[in-house]
Amino acid sequence: MPRSIIAATILLTFGTGVVDVSSFLRLGHVFASVMTGNLVLLGLAAGTGNGTLARSGGTALVGYAVGVAVSSLVSRPLEGHRHRWAALSAMHLLVLAGWVVLWVTVRDAGTAGESWTLGVAAAAMGVQSSLVRLVGGQGMSTTYLTSTLTRLVWDLGHHGRVGWGDPARCAALVVGAVSGGLLAQHAAAWTPAPAAAAAVLAAALWHRAAPAAIAGAEPVA
């Protein structure tokens, strides 16, 4: 896989850290991308009768599912087209821009504003997951890193070495979370800025790689 594509996935993973932490701290204590965690939180909400947590977890799940579903519908007619990934890249930027606008304008405007902001954030993560799946295959992720960490540790134990992509994505997630946490606490209006900048840079890197090299690529790092 081209190095520019691996670098793009690292940037997107950094953005995921920003989006997830901002959602957890400011949008109902749920995650925009970690649906396993949100399913657990929904179970917790059911068990404790926490309606607010149930609403937030359900909103994130629906938003993420909508992002994946729309990505699938958009990419399906372009099956086999060498620029199919570009359509999802553009859609990812568009939905993420919508999240930025909602964060700045209606995030604090009551329950409805919070829910819309969370739902669009989750939709952006759904589109991002679909894009990365298309580019890097089913083994590549920039939103849920359990499988990435598993592969990293397995390869280290089995082969005694790892590629640079997996550890870099894990580190990027943590750095993004730190950035998002600091901004959400001290400069809330600017919280989306690092994620938006990372997404734009990632899109530029997508376009540096030959579409033919991206299509059907297998993750190698």
Protein backbone atom coordinates (compact mmCIF):
# COMPACT_ATOMS: atom_id res chain seq x y z
CA MET A 1 0.00 0.00 0.00
CA PRO A 2 1.38 3.48 -0.87
CA ARG A 3 2.90 5.36 2.05
CA SER A 4 0.64 8.34 1.36
CA ILE A 5 -2.41 6.14 1.97
CA ILE A 6 -1.00 4.83 5.24
CA ALA A 7 -0.26 8.43 6.27
CA ALA A 8 -3.84 9.40 5.38
CA THR A 9 -5.23 6.66 7.63
CA ILE A 10 -3.03 7.91 10.48
CA LEU A 11 -4.42 11.43 10.04
CA LEU A 12 -7.99 10.12 10.01
CA THR A 13 -7.33 8.10 13.17
CA PHE A 14 -6.07 11.26 14.86
CA GLY A 15 -9.33 12.94 13.83
CA THR A 16 -11.30 10.03 15.27
CA GLY A 17 -9.68 10.65 18.65
CA VAL A 18 -10.77 14.28 18.52
CA VAL A 19 -14.34 13.47 17.47
CA ASP A 20 -14.81 10.67 20.00
CA VAL A 21 -13.54 12.63 22.97
CA SER A 22 -15.55 15.72 22.03
CA SER A 23 -18.67 13.56 21.70
CA PHE A 24 -18.05 11.85 25.01
CA LEU A 25 -17.39 15.05 26.92
CA ARG A 26 -19.94 17.35 25.29
CA LEU A 27 -22.57 15.25 23.52
CA GLY A 28 -24.04 12.82 26.00
CA HIS A 29 -21.13 10.67 27.22
CA VAL A 30 -21.15 8.34 24.21
CA PHE A 31 -18.75 7.81 21.31
CA ALA A 32 -19.18 8.90 17.71
CA SER A 33 -17.24 5.95 16.26
CA VAL A 34 -16.97 3.17 18.86
CA MET A 35 -20.21 1.29 18.34
CA THR A 36 -19.16 -1.63 20.56
CA GLY A 37 -18.87 0.79 23.46
CA ASN A 38 -22.17 2.42 22.57
CA LEU A 39 -23.94 -0.94 22.53
CA VAL A 40 -22.58 -1.59 26.01
CA LEU A 41 -23.76 1.86 27.11
CA LEU A 42 -27.22 1.14 25.69
CA GLY A 43 -27.32 -2.02 27.77
CA LEU A 44 -26.22 0.00 30.79
CA ALA A 45 -28.95 2.54 30.09
CA ALA A 46 -31.55 -0.21 29.87
CA GLY A 47 -30.35 -1.80 33.07
CA THR A 48 -30.27 1.43 35.05
CA GLY A 49 -33.24 3.15 33.47
CA ASN A 50 -31.10 6.04 32.21
CA GLY A 51 -33.18 7.55 29.44
CA THR A 52 -30.66 10.29 28.61
CA LEU A 53 -27.88 7.77 28.04
CA ALA A 54 -30.23 5.60 25.98
CA ARG A 55 -31.12 8.56 23.75
CA SER A 56 -27.48 9.50 23.21
CA GLY A 57 -26.36 5.93 22.54
CA GLY A 58 -29.24 5.34 20.15
CA THR A 59 -28.54 8.59 18.31
CA ALA A 60 -24.90 7.64 17.80
CA LEU A 61 -25.80 4.15 16.57
CA VAL A 62 -28.39 5.43 14.11
CA GLY A 63 -26.08 8.18 12.84
CA TYR A 64 -23.23 5.76 12.28
CA ALA A 65 -25.49 3.25 10.51
CA VAL A 66 -26.88 5.98 8.26
CA GLY A 67 -23.33 7.04 7.34
CA VAL A 68 -22.38 3.48 6.38
CA ALA A 69 -25.66 2.85 4.53
CA VAL A 70 -25.45 6.04 2.45
CA SER A 71 -21.79 5.30 1.68
CA SER A 72 -22.77 1.87 0.41
CA LEU A 73 -25.54 3.30 -1.76
CA VAL A 74 -23.27 5.98 -3.19
CA SER A 75 -20.41 3.61 -3.97
CA ARG A 76 -22.50 0.75 -5.36
CA PRO A 77 -23.24 2.33 -8.78
CA LEU A 78 -19.51 3.09 -9.07
CA GLU A 79 -18.47 -0.55 -8.55
CA GLY A 80 -15.30 -1.16 -10.54
CA HIS A 81 -14.76 2.56 -11.24
CA ARG A 82 -11.21 3.58 -10.39
CA HIS A 83 -12.40 6.81 -8.74
CA ARG A 84 -15.09 5.28 -6.54
CA TRP A 85 -13.07 6.08 -3.44
CA ALA A 86 -13.01 9.78 -4.40
CA ALA A 87 -16.79 10.00 -4.07
CA LEU A 88 -16.64 8.70 -0.51
CA SER A 89 -13.72 10.97 0.31
CA ALA A 90 -15.75 13.99 -0.81
CA MET A 91 -18.79 12.79 1.11
CA HIS A 92 -16.70 12.33 4.25
CA LEU A 93 -15.48 15.92 4.04
CA LEU A 94 -19.03 17.16 3.44
CA VAL A 95 -20.54 15.35 6.43
CA LEU A 96 -17.62 16.31 8.67
CA ALA A 97 -18.13 19.94 7.63
CA GLY A 98 -21.77 19.59 8.65
CA TRP A 99 -20.63 18.39 12.08
CA VAL A 100 -18.34 21.41 12.43
CA VAL A 101 -21.19 23.79 11.59
CA LEU A 102 -23.57 22.10 14.02
CA TRP A 103 -20.92 22.06 16.76
CA VAL A 104 -20.39 25.80 16.45
CA THR A 105 -24.04 26.79 16.02
CA VAL A 106 -26.45 24.45 17.84
CA ARG A 107 -24.43 22.10 20.07
CA ASP A 108 -25.56 23.96 23.19
CA ALA A 109 -29.08 24.66 21.97
CA GLY A 110 -30.80 22.03 24.09
CA THR A 111 -31.45 18.35 23.54
CA ALA A 112 -32.28 18.65 19.85
CA GLY A 113 -29.10 20.55 19.03
CA GLU A 114 -26.98 18.09 20.95
CA SER A 115 -28.64 15.11 19.27
CA TRP A 116 -28.22 16.51 15.76
CA THR A 117 -24.57 17.32 16.41
CA LEU A 118 -23.92 13.84 17.78
CA GLY A 119 -25.82 12.12 14.99
CA VAL A 120 -23.90 13.93 12.26
CA ALA A 121 -20.58 13.27 14.02
CA ALA A 122 -21.42 9.56 14.09
CA ALA A 123 -22.51 9.67 10.44
CA ALA A 124 -19.13 11.19 9.51
CA MET A 125 -17.41 8.32 11.32
CA GLY A 126 -19.60 5.84 9.43
CA VAL A 127 -18.59 7.37 6.11
CA GLN A 128 -14.95 7.39 7.21
CA SER A 129 -15.09 3.70 8.15
CA SER A 130 -16.64 2.88 4.77
CA LEU A 131 -14.00 4.87 2.91
CA VAL A 132 -11.12 3.18 4.73
CA ARG A 133 -12.70 -0.25 4.23
CA LEU A 134 -12.90 0.47 0.51
CA VAL A 135 -9.32 1.69 0.32
CA GLY A 136 -7.57 -0.73 2.66
CA GLY A 137 -9.79 -3.78 2.80
CA GLN A 138 -11.66 -5.23 5.75
CA GLY A 139 -8.56 -5.40 7.94
CA MET A 140 -7.96 -1.65 7.91
CA SER A 141 -9.68 0.71 10.35
CA THR A 142 -9.33 4.26 11.58
CA THR A 143 -12.29 4.21 13.98
CA TYR A 144 -12.25 0.93 15.94
CA LEU A 145 -8.73 -0.19 16.80
CA THR A 146 -9.29 -3.41 18.74
CA SER A 147 -8.43 -5.48 15.67
CA THR A 148 -5.49 -3.18 14.94
CA LEU A 149 -4.09 -3.67 18.43
CA THR A 150 -4.68 -7.42 18.15
CA ARG A 151 -2.78 -7.58 14.86
CA LEU A 152 0.03 -5.43 16.25
CA VAL A 153 0.59 -7.62 19.32
CA TRP A 154 0.12 -10.86 17.34
CA ASP A 155 2.65 -9.84 14.70
CA LEU A 156 5.12 -8.74 17.36
CA GLY A 157 4.83 -12.06 19.17
CA HIS A 158 4.62 -14.23 16.05
CA HIS A 159 7.07 -12.51 13.74
CA GLY A 160 9.09 -10.34 16.11
CA ARG A 161 8.34 -7.22 14.08
CA VAL A 162 5.47 -4.97 13.03
CA GLY A 163 4.86 -2.48 10.26
CA TRP A 164 4.80 1.19 11.12
CA GLY A 165 1.17 1.81 10.25
CA ASP A 166 -0.54 -0.01 13.13
CA PRO A 167 1.48 1.51 16.00
CA ALA A 168 1.24 4.92 14.36
CA ARG A 169 -2.56 4.67 14.16
CA CYS A 170 -2.80 3.62 17.82
CA ALA A 171 -0.60 6.54 18.84
CA ALA A 172 -2.55 8.94 16.62
CA LEU A 173 -5.81 7.98 18.32
CA VAL A 174 -4.35 8.82 21.73
CA VAL A 175 -2.86 12.11 20.53
CA GLY A 176 -6.19 13.05 18.93
CA ALA A 177 -8.00 12.25 22.17
CA VAL A 178 -5.61 14.43 24.14
CA SER A 179 -6.09 17.29 21.67
CA GLY A 180 -9.87 16.93 21.71
CA GLY A 181 -9.98 16.76 25.48
CA LEU A 182 -7.87 19.87 25.95
CA LEU A 183 -9.90 21.86 23.45
CA ALA A 184 -13.27 20.65 24.74
CA GLN A 185 -12.31 21.76 28.23
CA HIS A 186 -10.58 25.04 27.46
CA ALA A 187 -11.64 26.24 23.98
CA ALA A 188 -14.79 24.32 23.11
CA ALA A 189 -15.65 26.24 19.96
CA TRP A 190 -12.33 25.20 18.40
CA THR A 191 -12.64 21.51 19.24
CA PRO A 192 -13.50 20.34 15.69
CA ALA A 193 -10.58 22.22 14.11
CA PRO A 194 -7.89 19.49 14.41
CA ALA A 195 -10.22 16.78 13.09
CA ALA A 196 -11.29 18.95 10.15
CA ALA A 197 -7.69 19.84 9.30
CA ALA A 198 -6.63 16.18 9.51
CA ALA A 199 -9.48 15.15 7.19
CA VAL A 200 -8.52 17.75 4.58
CA LEU A 201 -4.88 16.67 4.69
CA ALA A 202 -5.94 13.02 4.41
CA ALA A 203 -8.08 13.81 1.37
CA ALA A 204 -5.09 15.49 -0.26
CA LEU A 205 -3.01 12.38 0.40
CA TRP A 206 -5.72 10.14 -1.10
CA HIS A 207 -5.38 12.14 -4.30
CA ARG A 208 -1.60 11.81 -4.34
CA ALA A 209 -1.87 8.04 -4.63
CA ALA A 210 -2.78 6.50 -7.95
CA PRO A 211 -6.43 5.35 -7.86
CA ALA A 212 -5.34 2.11 -9.50
CA ALA A 213 -3.04 1.43 -6.54
CA ILE A 214 -5.85 2.14 -4.10
CA ALA A 215 -8.46 -0.03 -5.75
CA GLY A 216 -8.41 -3.46 -4.21
CA ALA A 217 -5.35 -2.66 -2.11
CA GLU A 218 -4.53 -4.94 0.79
CA PRO A 219 -3.33 -3.46 4.07
CA VAL A 220 0.35 -4.05 4.58
CA ALA A 221 1.17 -1.82 7.55
